[in-house]
Amino acid sequence: IPVRPDRVESKDQLMEKYRQLTAAKAPVS
């Protein structure tokens, strides 16, 4: 069964959110 695109999008969105949070807390060098 192929992976659902919405699931992949969710993962991407989560990673982006985490990245934004990290950037807000401490800018990436």
N, C-alpha and C. Protein backbone atom coordinates (compact mmCIF):
# COMPACT_ATOMS: atom_id res chain seq x y z
N ILE A 1 0.85 -1.20 0.00
CA ILE A 1 0.00 0.00 0.00
C ILE A 1 0.90 1.26 0.00
N PRO A 2 0.74 2.14 -0.97
CA PRO A 2 1.56 3.36 -1.06
C PRO A 2 1.28 4.31 0.11
N VAL A 3 2.28 5.06 0.48
CA VAL A 3 2.10 6.00 1.59
C VAL A 3 1.16 7.13 1.16
N ARG A 4 0.29 7.52 2.05
CA ARG A 4 -0.67 8.59 1.71
C ARG A 4 0.04 9.94 1.67
N PRO A 5 -0.24 10.74 0.67
CA PRO A 5 0.41 12.06 0.55
C PRO A 5 0.10 12.96 1.74
N ASP A 6 -1.15 12.88 2.23
CA ASP A 6 -1.52 13.72 3.37
C ASP A 6 -0.63 13.38 4.57
N ARG A 7 -0.27 12.12 4.69
CA ARG A 7 0.58 11.72 5.83
C ARG A 7 1.97 12.34 5.66
N VAL A 8 2.49 12.26 4.46
CA VAL A 8 3.82 12.85 4.21
C VAL A 8 3.77 14.35 4.45
N GLU A 9 2.69 14.97 4.00
CA GLU A 9 2.55 16.42 4.20
C GLU A 9 2.54 16.74 5.69
N SER A 10 1.84 15.91 6.45
CA SER A 10 1.75 16.14 7.89
C SER A 10 3.16 16.11 8.50
N LYS A 11 3.95 15.12 8.07
CA LYS A 11 5.31 14.99 8.60
C LYS A 11 6.12 16.22 8.21
N ASP A 12 5.98 16.64 6.95
CA ASP A 12 6.72 17.82 6.50
C ASP A 12 6.30 19.05 7.30
N GLN A 13 5.00 19.17 7.52
CA GLN A 13 4.50 20.33 8.27
C GLN A 13 5.04 20.31 9.70
N LEU A 14 5.06 19.13 10.29
CA LEU A 14 5.56 19.00 11.66
C LEU A 14 7.03 19.43 11.71
N MET A 15 7.80 18.94 10.75
CA MET A 15 9.24 19.28 10.72
C MET A 15 9.41 20.79 10.56
N GLU A 16 8.59 21.37 9.68
CA GLU A 16 8.70 22.82 9.46
C GLU A 16 8.35 23.57 10.74
N LYS A 17 7.30 23.12 11.41
CA LYS A 17 6.87 23.78 12.66
C LYS A 17 8.01 23.68 13.68
N TYR A 18 8.60 22.50 13.80
CA TYR A 18 9.69 22.31 14.76
C TYR A 18 10.87 23.21 14.40
N ARG A 19 11.13 23.30 13.09
CA ARG A 19 12.24 24.15 12.64
C ARG A 19 11.97 25.60 13.01
N GLN A 20 10.73 26.04 12.77
CA GLN A 20 10.38 27.43 13.07
C GLN A 20 10.51 27.68 14.57
N LEU A 21 10.06 26.72 15.37
CA LEU A 21 10.14 26.88 16.83
C LEU A 21 11.59 26.99 17.26
N THR A 22 12.42 26.10 16.72
CA THR A 22 13.85 26.13 17.07
C THR A 22 14.47 27.44 16.64
N ALA A 23 14.11 27.91 15.45
CA ALA A 23 14.67 29.17 14.94
C ALA A 23 14.24 30.32 15.85
N ALA A 24 13.00 30.29 16.30
CA ALA A 24 12.50 31.37 17.16
C ALA A 24 13.23 31.34 18.51
N LYS A 25 13.46 30.12 19.00
CA LYS A 25 14.14 29.99 20.31
C LYS A 25 15.62 30.35 20.18
N ALA A 26 16.28 29.78 19.16
CA ALA A 26 17.71 30.04 18.96
C ALA A 26 18.01 29.98 17.47
N PRO A 27 18.43 31.09 16.89
CA PRO A 27 18.72 31.13 15.44
C PRO A 27 19.78 30.11 15.07
N VAL A 28 19.56 29.43 13.94
CA VAL A 28 20.52 28.42 13.50
C VAL A 28 21.76 29.10 12.95
N SER A 29 22.92 28.65 13.34
CA SER A 29 24.18 29.26 12.86
C SER A 29 24.37 29.00 11.38
